[in-house]
C-alpha atoms as a PDB file:
ATOM      1  CA  UNK A   1     -79.653  -9.199  39.614  1.00  0.00           C
ATOM      2  CA  UNK A   2     -76.644  -8.591  37.345  1.00  0.00           C
ATOM      3  CA  UNK A   3     -77.685  -4.724  36.965  1.00  0.00           C
ATOM      4  CA  UNK A   4     -75.035  -2.148  36.538  1.00  0.00           C
ATOM      5  CA  UNK A   5     -74.555   1.992  36.847  1.00  0.00           C
ATOM      6  CA  UNK A   6     -72.464   4.426  34.918  1.00  0.00           C
ATOM      7  CA  UNK A   7     -72.648   8.144  35.670  1.00  0.00           C
ATOM      8  CA  UNK A   8     -71.633  11.256  33.848  1.00  0.00           C
ATOM      9  CA  UNK A   9     -69.308  13.264  36.133  1.00  0.00           C
ATOM     10  CA  UNK A  10     -70.581  17.105  35.358  1.00  0.00           C
ATOM     11  CA  UNK A  11     -74.078  17.935  35.788  1.00  0.00           C
ATOM     12  CA  UNK A  12     -74.531  14.457  37.643  1.00  0.00           C
ATOM     13  CA  UNK A  13     -72.062  13.849  40.593  1.00  0.00           C
ATOM     14  CA  UNK A  14     -71.078  17.449  40.440  1.00  0.00           C
ATOM     15  CA  UNK A  15     -72.347  20.907  38.932  1.00  0.00           C
ATOM     16  CA  UNK A  16     -69.183  22.372  37.623  1.00  0.00           C
ATOM     17  CA  UNK A  17     -71.156  24.349  34.552  1.00  0.00           C
ATOM     18  CA  UNK A  18     -70.471  27.600  36.564  1.00  0.00           C
ATOM     19  CA  UNK A  19     -66.301  26.622  36.784  1.00  0.00           C
ATOM     20  CA  UNK A  20     -66.600  25.407  33.347  1.00  0.00           C
ATOM     21  CA  UNK A  21     -67.803  28.001  31.982  1.00  0.00           C
ATOM     22  CA  UNK A  22     -65.776  30.548  33.241  1.00  0.00           C
ATOM     23  CA  UNK A  23     -62.857  28.690  32.157  1.00  0.00           C
ATOM     24  CA  UNK A  24     -63.372  28.959  28.657  1.00  0.00           C
ATOM     25  CA  UNK A  25     -64.034  32.192  29.157  1.00  0.00           C
ATOM     26  CA  UNK A  26     -61.007  33.141  31.082  1.00  0.00           C
ATOM     27  CA  UNK A  27     -58.786  30.992  27.632  1.00  0.00           C
ATOM     28  CA  UNK A  28     -60.533  33.049  25.184  1.00  0.00           C
ATOM     29  CA  UNK A  29     -59.541  36.152  27.279  1.00  0.00           C
ATOM     30  CA  UNK A  30     -55.641  34.975  27.319  1.00  0.00           C
ATOM     31  CA  UNK A  31     -55.461  33.672  23.831  1.00  0.00           C
ATOM     32  CA  UNK A  32     -57.357  36.654  22.741  1.00  0.00           C
ATOM     33  CA  UNK A  33     -59.753  34.478  20.586  1.00  0.00           C
ATOM     34  CA  UNK A  34     -63.822  35.426  20.294  1.00  0.00           C
ATOM     35  CA  UNK A  35     -66.209  33.092  22.199  1.00  0.00           C
ATOM     36  CA  UNK A  36     -69.902  33.090  20.858  1.00  0.00           C
ATOM     37  CA  UNK A  37     -72.090  33.915  23.528  1.00  0.00           C
ATOM     38  CA  UNK A  38     -74.072  30.625  23.264  1.00  0.00           C
ATOM     39  CA  UNK A  39     -71.193  28.463  22.753  1.00  0.00           C
ATOM     40  CA  UNK A  40     -71.440  26.934  26.187  1.00  0.00           C
ATOM     41  CA  UNK A  41     -74.944  24.993  26.385  1.00  0.00           C
ATOM     42  CA  UNK A  42     -74.131  24.007  22.691  1.00  0.00           C
ATOM     43  CA  UNK A  43     -70.816  22.254  23.634  1.00  0.00           C
ATOM     44  CA  UNK A  44     -71.768  21.073  27.002  1.00  0.00           C
ATOM     45  CA  UNK A  45     -71.162  17.510  26.999  1.00  0.00           C
ATOM     46  CA  UNK A  46     -69.023  17.154  24.377  1.00  0.00           C
ATOM     47  CA  UNK A  47     -65.251  16.989  24.157  1.00  0.00           C
ATOM     48  CA  UNK A  48     -62.728  19.733  23.352  1.00  0.00           C
ATOM     49  CA  UNK A  49     -61.187  18.115  20.657  1.00  0.00           C
ATOM     50  CA  UNK A  50     -64.956  18.776  19.439  1.00  0.00           C
ATOM     51  CA  UNK A  51     -65.625  22.035  20.470  1.00  0.00           C
ATOM     52  CA  UNK A  52     -63.081  23.783  19.480  1.00  0.00           C
ATOM     53  CA  UNK A  53     -62.638  23.490  16.083  1.00  0.00           C
ATOM     54  CA  UNK A  54     -66.159  22.884  15.779  1.00  0.00           C
ATOM     55  CA  UNK A  55     -68.498  25.037  17.713  1.00  0.00           C
ATOM     56  CA  UNK A  56     -65.687  27.871  18.529  1.00  0.00           C
ATOM     57  CA  UNK A  57     -64.199  27.953  15.008  1.00  0.00           C
ATOM     58  CA  UNK A  58     -61.014  28.340  16.745  1.00  0.00           C
ATOM     59  CA  UNK A  59     -58.627  26.276  14.853  1.00  0.00           C
ATOM     60  CA  UNK A  60     -58.174  22.996  12.651  1.00  0.00           C
ATOM     61  CA  UNK A  61     -54.883  22.167  13.729  1.00  0.00           C
ATOM     62  CA  UNK A  62     -55.012  19.281  15.791  1.00  0.00           C
ATOM     63  CA  UNK A  63     -51.651  19.988  18.097  1.00  0.00           C
ATOM     64  CA  UNK A  64     -53.071  23.801  18.474  1.00  0.00           C
ATOM     65  CA  UNK A  65     -56.200  21.791  19.635  1.00  0.00           C
ATOM     66  CA  UNK A  66     -54.861  19.001  22.493  1.00  0.00           C
ATOM     67  CA  UNK A  67     -52.838  22.976  23.899  1.00  0.00           C
ATOM     68  CA  UNK A  68     -56.541  24.834  23.725  1.00  0.00           C
ATOM     69  CA  UNK A  69     -58.027  21.696  25.395  1.00  0.00           C
ATOM     70  CA  UNK A  70     -54.802  21.363  28.432  1.00  0.00           C
ATOM     71  CA  UNK A  71     -54.792  24.904  28.751  1.00  0.00           C
ATOM     72  CA  UNK A  72     -58.706  25.667  29.300  1.00  0.00           C
ATOM     73  CA  UNK A  73     -58.509  22.306  31.764  1.00  0.00           C
ATOM     74  CA  UNK A  74     -55.585  23.257  33.560  1.00  0.00           C
ATOM     75  CA  UNK A  75     -57.951  26.940  34.183  1.00  0.00           C
ATOM     76  CA  UNK A  76     -60.635  24.318  35.304  1.00  0.00           C
ATOM     77  CA  UNK A  77     -58.867  22.581  38.137  1.00  0.00           C
ATOM     78  CA  UNK A  78     -57.393  26.195  39.462  1.00  0.00           C
ATOM     79  CA  UNK A  79     -60.840  27.550  39.726  1.00  0.00           C
ATOM     80  CA  UNK A  80     -62.583  24.387  41.750  1.00  0.00           C
ATOM     81  CA  UNK A  81     -58.621  24.422  43.746  1.00  0.00           C
ATOM     82  CA  UNK A  82     -59.243  27.929  44.693  1.00  0.00           C
ATOM     83  CA  UNK A  83     -63.440  27.762  44.881  1.00  0.00           C
ATOM     84  CA  UNK A  84     -64.001  24.147  45.551  1.00  0.00           C
ATOM     85  CA  UNK A  85     -66.604  22.530  45.034  1.00  0.00           C
ATOM     86  CA  UNK A  86     -69.261  20.210  46.083  1.00  0.00           C
ATOM     87  CA  UNK A  87     -71.313  16.819  45.329  1.00  0.00           C
ATOM     88  CA  UNK A  88     -74.944  17.303  44.246  1.00  0.00           C
ATOM     89  CA  UNK A  89     -78.060  16.582  45.935  1.00  0.00           C
ATOM     90  CA  UNK A  90     -78.692  12.968  46.112  1.00  0.00           C
ATOM     91  CA  UNK A  91     -75.537  11.914  44.771  1.00  0.00           C
ATOM     92  CA  UNK A  92     -74.125  10.382  47.740  1.00  0.00           C
ATOM     93  CA  UNK A  93     -77.389   8.294  48.883  1.00  0.00           C
ATOM     94  CA  UNK A  94     -78.052   7.078  45.791  1.00  0.00           C
ATOM     95  CA  UNK A  95     -74.292   5.621  45.935  1.00  0.00           C
ATOM     96  CA  UNK A  96     -74.977   4.145  48.852  1.00  0.00           C
ATOM     97  CA  UNK A  97     -77.641   2.526  47.875  1.00  0.00           C
ATOM     98  CA  UNK A  98     -76.441   1.046  44.883  1.00  0.00           C
ATOM     99  CA  UNK A  99     -73.894  -0.134  46.708  1.00  0.00           C
ATOM    100  CA  UNK A 100     -76.301  -1.515  49.515  1.00  0.00           C
ATOM    101  CA  UNK A 101     -77.227  -3.798  46.677  1.00  0.00           C
ATOM    102  CA  UNK A 102     -74.157  -5.094  45.087  1.00  0.00           C
ATOM    103  CA  UNK A 103     -74.617  -2.451  42.000  1.00  0.00           C
ATOM    104  CA  UNK A 104     -71.135  -1.704  40.486  1.00  0.00           C
ATOM    105  CA  UNK A 105     -70.881   1.619  39.167  1.00  0.00           C
ATOM    106  CA  UNK A 106     -68.665   3.248  36.940  1.00  0.00           C
ATOM    107  CA  UNK A 107     -67.934   6.782  35.881  1.00  0.00           C
ATOM    108  CA  UNK A 108     -68.066   6.855  32.027  1.00  0.00           C
ATOM    109  CA  UNK A 109     -67.716  11.143  31.223  1.00  0.00           C
ATOM    110  CA  UNK A 110     -66.184  13.236  28.317  1.00  0.00           C
ATOM    111  CA  UNK A 111     -64.273  14.908  31.107  1.00  0.00           C
ATOM    112  CA  UNK A 112     -60.340  14.688  31.323  1.00  0.00           C
ATOM    113  CA  UNK A 113     -59.248  12.010  34.111  1.00  0.00           C
ATOM    114  CA  UNK A 114     -57.406  14.840  35.752  1.00  0.00           C
ATOM    115  CA  UNK A 115     -60.341  16.941  36.775  1.00  0.00           C
ATOM    116  CA  UNK A 116     -62.245  13.611  37.841  1.00  0.00           C
ATOM    117  CA  UNK A 117     -58.780  12.362  40.011  1.00  0.00           C
ATOM    118  CA  UNK A 118     -58.774  15.675  41.283  1.00  0.00           C
ATOM    119  CA  UNK A 119     -62.340  15.873  42.431  1.00  0.00           C
ATOM    120  CA  UNK A 120     -63.116  12.572  43.578  1.00  0.00           C
ATOM    121  CA  UNK A 121     -61.044  11.936  46.621  1.00  0.00           C
ATOM    122  CA  UNK A 122     -61.738  15.554  47.404  1.00  0.00           C
ATOM    123  CA  UNK A 123     -65.773  14.058  47.949  1.00  0.00           C
ATOM    124  CA  UNK A 124     -64.822  11.028  49.548  1.00  0.00           C
ATOM    125  CA  UNK A 125     -66.872   9.045  46.579  1.00  0.00           C
ATOM    126  CA  UNK A 126     -63.713   6.708  45.112  1.00  0.00           C
ATOM    127  CA  UNK A 127     -65.112   3.557  46.805  1.00  0.00           C
ATOM    128  CA  UNK A 128     -68.341   3.620  45.211  1.00  0.00           C
ATOM    129  CA  UNK A 129     -66.578   3.292  41.651  1.00  0.00           C
ATOM    130  CA  UNK A 130     -65.298   0.290  40.270  1.00  0.00           C
ATOM    131  CA  UNK A 131     -63.301   2.539  37.691  1.00  0.00           C
ATOM    132  CA  UNK A 132     -63.574   5.607  35.463  1.00  0.00           C
ATOM    133  CA  UNK A 133     -64.112   5.773  31.788  1.00  0.00           C
ATOM    134  CA  UNK A 134     -62.794   9.414  30.769  1.00  0.00           C
ATOM    135  CA  UNK A 135     -62.318  11.414  27.755  1.00  0.00           C
ATOM    136  CA  UNK A 136     -58.495  10.075  26.929  1.00  0.00           C
ATOM    137  CA  UNK A 137     -60.266   6.095  27.018  1.00  0.00           C
ATOM    138  CA  UNK A 138     -62.375   6.761  23.628  1.00  0.00           C
ATOM    139  CA  UNK A 139     -61.979   7.920  20.186  1.00  0.00           C
ATOM    140  CA  UNK A 140     -65.795   9.376  19.775  1.00  0.00           C
ATOM    141  CA  UNK A 141     -67.343  11.507  22.269  1.00  0.00           C
ATOM    142  CA  UNK A 142     -71.151  11.615  22.977  1.00  0.00           C
ATOM    143  CA  UNK A 143     -73.634  11.687  21.304  1.00  0.00           C
ATOM    144  CA  UNK A 144     -71.269   8.423  20.405  1.00  0.00           C
ATOM    145  CA  UNK A 145     -71.964   5.329  23.038  1.00  0.00           C
ATOM    146  CA  UNK A 146     -68.364   4.230  22.682  1.00  0.00           C
ATOM    147  CA  UNK A 147     -67.765   5.948  26.686  1.00  0.00           C
ATOM    148  CA  UNK A 148     -70.364   4.331  28.055  1.00  0.00           C
ATOM    149  CA  UNK A 149     -70.532   0.861  26.574  1.00  0.00           C
ATOM    150  CA  UNK A 150     -66.877   0.770  27.618  1.00  0.00           C
ATOM    151  CA  UNK A 151     -68.305   1.452  30.972  1.00  0.00           C
ATOM    152  CA  UNK A 152     -70.194  -1.263  30.868  1.00  0.00           C
ATOM    153  CA  UNK A 153     -67.400  -3.743  29.983  1.00  0.00           C
ATOM    154  CA  UNK A 154     -65.555  -2.288  33.244  1.00  0.00           C
ATOM    155  CA  UNK A 155     -68.345  -3.463  35.262  1.00  0.00           C
ATOM    156  CA  UNK A 156     -69.188  -6.553  33.378  1.00  0.00           C
ATOM    157  CA  UNK A 157     -72.828  -5.465  32.789  1.00  0.00           C
ATOM    158  CA  UNK A 158     -74.894  -6.329  29.870  1.00  0.00           C
ATOM    159  CA  UNK A 159     -75.860  -2.534  28.010  1.00  0.00           C
ATOM    160  CA  UNK A 160     -79.597  -3.294  28.242  1.00  0.00           C
ATOM    161  CA  UNK A 161     -79.131  -3.810  31.762  1.00  0.00           C
ATOM    162  CA  UNK A 162     -77.392  -0.694  32.806  1.00  0.00           C
ATOM    163  CA  UNK A 163     -78.617   2.809  33.789  1.00  0.00           C
ATOM    164  CA  UNK A 164     -76.915   5.961  32.471  1.00  0.00           C
ATOM    165  CA  UNK A 165     -77.218   8.931  34.561  1.00  0.00           C
ATOM    166  CA  UNK A 166     -76.868  12.028  32.529  1.00  0.00           C
ATOM    167  CA  UNK A 167     -77.825  15.368  32.497  1.00  0.00           C
ATOM    168  CA  UNK A 168     -76.716  16.661  29.021  1.00  0.00           C
ATOM    169  CA  UNK A 169     -78.864  16.174  25.664  1.00  0.00           C
ATOM    170  CA  UNK A 170     -75.493  14.311  24.221  1.00  0.00           C
ATOM    171  CA  UNK A 171     -74.914  12.322  27.122  1.00  0.00           C
ATOM    172  CA  UNK A 172     -78.619  11.065  27.130  1.00  0.00           C
ATOM    173  CA  UNK A 173     -78.868  10.201  23.006  1.00  0.00           C
ATOM    174  CA  UNK A 174     -75.611   8.114  23.713  1.00  0.00           C
ATOM    175  CA  UNK A 175     -77.057   6.244  26.102  1.00  0.00           C
ATOM    176  CA  UNK A 176     -79.553   5.729  24.168  1.00  0.00           C
ATOM    177  CA  UNK A 177     -77.561   4.518  21.488  1.00  0.00           C
ATOM    178  CA  UNK A 178     -75.641   2.170  23.365  1.00  0.00           C
ATOM    179  CA  UNK A 179     -79.468   0.326  24.200  1.00  0.00           C
ATOM    180  CA  UNK A 180     -79.271   1.694  28.054  1.00  0.00           C
ATOM    181  CA  UNK A 181     -81.717   3.041  30.523  1.00  0.00           C
ATOM    182  CA  UNK A 182     -80.936   6.780  30.638  1.00  0.00           C
ATOM    183  CA  UNK A 183     -82.140   8.431  33.829  1.00  0.00           C
ATOM    184  CA  UNK A 184     -82.241  11.803  33.104  1.00  0.00           C
ATOM    185  CA  UNK A 185     -81.257  15.240  36.014  1.00  0.00           C
ATOM    186  CA  UNK A 186     -82.075  18.504  35.233  1.00  0.00           C
ATOM    187  CA  UNK A 187     -79.050  20.151  36.751  1.00  0.00           C
ATOM    188  CA  UNK A 188     -77.943  21.562  33.045  1.00  0.00           C
ATOM    189  CA  UNK A 189     -81.191  21.828  31.237  1.00  0.00           C
ATOM    190  CA  UNK A 190     -85.216  22.627  32.015  1.00  0.00           C
ATOM    191  CA  UNK A 191     -86.811  18.993  33.149  1.00  0.00           C
ATOM    192  CA  UNK A 192     -88.816  19.618  30.569  1.00  0.00           C
ATOM    193  CA  UNK A 193     -86.610  19.199  27.874  1.00  0.00           C
ATOM    194  CA  UNK A 194     -85.217  16.065  28.932  1.00  0.00           C
ATOM    195  CA  UNK A 195     -88.447  13.507  27.382  1.00  0.00           C
ATOM    196  CA  UNK A 196     -85.725  11.755  25.920  1.00  0.00           C
ATOM    197  CA  UNK A 197     -85.039   9.987  28.867  1.00  0.00           C
ATOM    198  CA  UNK A 198     -86.361   7.014  30.359  1.00  0.00           C
ATOM    199  CA  UNK A 199     -86.838   9.108  33.526  1.00  0.00           C
ATOM    200  CA  UNK A 200     -86.404  12.265  34.622  1.00  0.00           C
ATOM    201  CA  UNK A 201     -85.881  13.922  38.090  1.00  0.00           C
ATOM    202  CA  UNK A 202     -84.816  17.637  39.414  1.00  0.00           C
ATOM    203  CA  UNK A 203     -82.483  16.101  41.716  1.00  0.00           C
ATOM    204  CA  UNK A 204     -81.017  12.668  42.180  1.00  0.00           C
ATOM    205  CA  UNK A 205     -82.333  13.123  46.277  1.00  0.00           C
ATOM    206  CA  UNK A 206     -85.870  12.907  44.234  1.00  0.00           C
ATOM    207  CA  UNK A 207     -85.049   9.866  42.858  1.00  0.00           C
ATOM    208  CA  UNK A 208     -87.763   6.986  43.388  1.00  0.00           C
ATOM    209  CA  UNK A 209     -85.209   3.904  43.751  1.00  0.00           C
ATOM    210  CA  UNK A 210     -87.445   0.853  43.400  1.00  0.00           C
ATOM    211  CA  UNK A 211     -89.357   2.434  40.180  1.00  0.00           C
ATOM    212  CA  UNK A 212     -85.363   3.434  38.775  1.00  0.00           C
ATOM    213  CA  UNK A 213     -84.389  -0.395  39.005  1.00  0.00           C
ATOM    214  CA  UNK A 214     -87.291  -1.447  37.359  1.00  0.00           C
ATOM    215  CA  UNK A 215     -86.248   0.206  34.188  1.00  0.00           C
ATOM    216  CA  UNK A 216     -83.571  -2.474  34.212  1.00  0.00           C
ATOM    217  CA  UNK A 217     -85.081  -5.762  35.935  1.00  0.00           C
END
């Protein structure tokens, strides 16, 4: 069964939304920059390099964008190291199930690699992932499917035989754009807003594994 699994990180493996939102707030305070009230939901799942110039309108200067992005993620990691973080319900069990079926898994995320590397060992789940595709590996962020298509190549699977696990609208769109089957988890958005995905669950612990696999059989 030549099936593969590609996991978004934030909102699928971990719920880091509060830490990410707080890091944007701290950055705005630190740099004395305005922060629109609805910025977080609009930007969730997008790369910082898109959010900073297009959603926040902080700067169009590429050097300044990279500096702000780096500082934002630094603040995020400080919060995680201080407060800790847990895996979302059902993720470890799902990874163990896929491992038992010899279905290779890869991370496909808009998150910087160092953030994933910081957390993956803390959670004790590195053994389940063949590789990580992160923000640094792609030119085009979600909803472009580049990150997921690269993930499929990493695990040597055809896109139409890959399951994508996502929580964000842009990520769901990216998976569909890549010709993959998308399982959406209602971590960030209400389940009724995730209808574009091929399967929706409140949490990964609710998954019917056989029905999930039927999507790509």
